[in-house]
Amino acid sequence: MPSARSARSAERRRLRNRHVRSTTRTLMGKALDAVWDGEAETAGPAVAQAIRALDKAVTKGILHKNNAARKKSRLMGKLHGLQAPGTS
């Protein structure tokens, strides 16, 4: 059984992590929707926001750096595919 103090700390961390993960997932979804809709003018800023959220999550220790790098790479690949007509 954890002490009351460590339980309070764990709860605070859990709530913070939950909020950051939720925000990151929401921004990733919006970026993917913009890319899938083919809206190049809105996809760029949406992808930039998602990447910023991923980087912040890594800084706070919520995501592993390789996990975020993989997500950023896949997101940028989709964006570049949208911006480069004539490729696949």
C-alpha atoms as a PDB file:
ATOM      1  CA  MET A   1       0.000   0.000   0.000  1.00  0.00           C
ATOM      2  CA  PRO A   2       1.547   3.336  -1.004  1.00  0.00           C
ATOM      3  CA  SER A   3       1.770   6.107   1.470  1.00  0.00           C
ATOM      4  CA  ALA A   4      -0.790   8.851   1.176  1.00  0.00           C
ATOM      5  CA  ARG A   5       1.772  11.298  -0.123  1.00  0.00           C
ATOM      6  CA  SER A   6       3.013   9.064  -2.955  1.00  0.00           C
ATOM      7  CA  ALA A   7      -0.591   8.190  -3.822  1.00  0.00           C
ATOM      8  CA  ARG A   8      -1.411  11.891  -4.181  1.00  0.00           C
ATOM      9  CA  SER A   9       1.657  12.428  -6.355  1.00  0.00           C
ATOM     10  CA  ALA A  10       0.784   9.450  -8.528  1.00  0.00           C
ATOM     11  CA  GLU A  11      -2.758  10.744  -8.985  1.00  0.00           C
ATOM     12  CA  ARG A  12      -1.488  14.181 -10.023  1.00  0.00           C
ATOM     13  CA  ARG A  13       0.898  12.591 -12.541  1.00  0.00           C
ATOM     14  CA  ARG A  14      -1.859  10.324 -13.858  1.00  0.00           C
ATOM     15  CA  LEU A  15      -4.192  13.251 -14.475  1.00  0.00           C
ATOM     16  CA  ARG A  16      -1.473  15.305 -16.146  1.00  0.00           C
ATOM     17  CA  ASN A  17      -0.393  12.396 -18.338  1.00  0.00           C
ATOM     18  CA  ARG A  18      -3.996  11.674 -19.275  1.00  0.00           C
ATOM     19  CA  HIS A  19      -4.581  15.278 -20.331  1.00  0.00           C
ATOM     20  CA  VAL A  20      -1.400  15.480 -22.402  1.00  0.00           C
ATOM     21  CA  ARG A  21      -2.053  12.104 -24.086  1.00  0.00           C
ATOM     22  CA  SER A  22      -5.625  13.103 -24.896  1.00  0.00           C
ATOM     23  CA  THR A  23      -4.572  16.453 -26.347  1.00  0.00           C
ATOM     24  CA  THR A  24      -1.844  14.800 -28.409  1.00  0.00           C
ATOM     25  CA  ARG A  25      -4.245  12.198 -29.792  1.00  0.00           C
ATOM     26  CA  THR A  26      -6.795  14.881 -30.669  1.00  0.00           C
ATOM     27  CA  LEU A  27      -4.227  16.970 -32.538  1.00  0.00           C
ATOM     28  CA  MET A  28      -2.912  13.875 -34.348  1.00  0.00           C
ATOM     29  CA  GLY A  29      -6.451  13.025 -35.419  1.00  0.00           C
ATOM     30  CA  LYS A  30      -7.104  16.538 -36.695  1.00  0.00           C
ATOM     31  CA  ALA A  31      -3.846  16.496 -38.639  1.00  0.00           C
ATOM     32  CA  LEU A  32      -4.644  13.115 -40.199  1.00  0.00           C
ATOM     33  CA  ASP A  33      -8.159  14.275 -41.098  1.00  0.00           C
ATOM     34  CA  ALA A  34      -6.756  17.361 -42.809  1.00  0.00           C
ATOM     35  CA  VAL A  35      -4.261  15.242 -44.756  1.00  0.00           C
ATOM     36  CA  TRP A  36      -6.883  12.657 -45.732  1.00  0.00           C
ATOM     37  CA  ASP A  37      -9.252  15.418 -46.881  1.00  0.00           C
ATOM     38  CA  GLY A  38      -6.525  16.697 -49.178  1.00  0.00           C
ATOM     39  CA  GLU A  39      -6.558  20.185 -47.666  1.00  0.00           C
ATOM     40  CA  ALA A  40      -2.932  21.195 -48.108  1.00  0.00           C
ATOM     41  CA  GLU A  41      -3.465  24.712 -46.706  1.00  0.00           C
ATOM     42  CA  THR A  42      -4.912  23.424 -43.423  1.00  0.00           C
ATOM     43  CA  ALA A  43      -2.875  20.222 -43.210  1.00  0.00           C
ATOM     44  CA  GLY A  44       0.460  22.022 -42.792  1.00  0.00           C
ATOM     45  CA  PRO A  45      -0.451  23.972 -39.647  1.00  0.00           C
ATOM     46  CA  ALA A  46      -2.362  20.991 -38.231  1.00  0.00           C
ATOM     47  CA  VAL A  47       0.657  18.730 -38.671  1.00  0.00           C
ATOM     48  CA  ALA A  48       2.899  21.368 -37.083  1.00  0.00           C
ATOM     49  CA  GLN A  49       0.602  21.509 -34.042  1.00  0.00           C
ATOM     50  CA  ALA A  50       0.584  17.726 -33.741  1.00  0.00           C
ATOM     51  CA  ILE A  51       4.375  17.556 -33.941  1.00  0.00           C
ATOM     52  CA  ARG A  52       4.694  20.230 -31.272  1.00  0.00           C
ATOM     53  CA  ALA A  53       2.343  18.267 -29.003  1.00  0.00           C
ATOM     54  CA  LEU A  54       4.343  15.076 -29.568  1.00  0.00           C
ATOM     55  CA  ASP A  55       7.594  16.857 -28.725  1.00  0.00           C
ATOM     56  CA  LYS A  56       6.072  18.270 -25.533  1.00  0.00           C
ATOM     57  CA  ALA A  57       4.845  14.814 -24.509  1.00  0.00           C
ATOM     58  CA  VAL A  58       8.371  13.460 -24.958  1.00  0.00           C
ATOM     59  CA  THR A  59       9.825  16.321 -22.916  1.00  0.00           C
ATOM     60  CA  LYS A  60       7.382  15.584 -20.087  1.00  0.00           C
ATOM     61  CA  GLY A  61       8.229  11.892 -20.191  1.00  0.00           C
ATOM     62  CA  ILE A  62       4.785  10.760 -21.319  1.00  0.00           C
ATOM     63  CA  LEU A  63       5.832   9.295 -24.668  1.00  0.00           C
ATOM     64  CA  HIS A  64       9.054   7.514 -25.524  1.00  0.00           C
ATOM     65  CA  LYS A  65      11.177   9.521 -27.955  1.00  0.00           C
ATOM     66  CA  ASN A  66      11.202   6.725 -30.539  1.00  0.00           C
ATOM     67  CA  ASN A  67       7.427   6.401 -30.366  1.00  0.00           C
ATOM     68  CA  ALA A  68       7.026  10.118 -31.052  1.00  0.00           C
ATOM     69  CA  ALA A  69       9.653  10.015 -33.803  1.00  0.00           C
ATOM     70  CA  ARG A  70       7.774   7.192 -35.530  1.00  0.00           C
ATOM     71  CA  LYS A  71       4.476   9.081 -35.334  1.00  0.00           C
ATOM     72  CA  LYS A  72       6.072  12.279 -36.624  1.00  0.00           C
ATOM     73  CA  SER A  73       7.746  10.432 -39.486  1.00  0.00           C
ATOM     74  CA  ARG A  74       4.524   8.788 -40.610  1.00  0.00           C
ATOM     75  CA  LEU A  75       2.610  12.047 -40.330  1.00  0.00           C
ATOM     76  CA  MET A  76       5.212  13.955 -42.353  1.00  0.00           C
ATOM     77  CA  GLY A  77       5.266  11.199 -44.966  1.00  0.00           C
ATOM     78  CA  LYS A  78       1.524  11.573 -45.438  1.00  0.00           C
ATOM     79  CA  LEU A  79       1.836  15.360 -45.627  1.00  0.00           C
ATOM     80  CA  HIS A  80       4.632  15.204 -48.205  1.00  0.00           C
ATOM     81  CA  GLY A  81       2.589  12.731 -50.239  1.00  0.00           C
ATOM     82  CA  LEU A  82      -0.231  15.260 -50.263  1.00  0.00           C
ATOM     83  CA  GLN A  83       2.019  18.157 -51.270  1.00  0.00           C
ATOM     84  CA  ALA A  84       3.818  16.222 -54.041  1.00  0.00           C
ATOM     85  CA  PRO A  85       1.248  15.472 -56.740  1.00  0.00           C
ATOM     86  CA  GLY A  86       1.994  12.612 -59.073  1.00  0.00           C
ATOM     87  CA  THR A  87       3.460  10.345 -56.421  1.00  0.00           C
ATOM     88  CA  SER A  88       1.445   7.252 -55.526  1.00  0.00           C
END
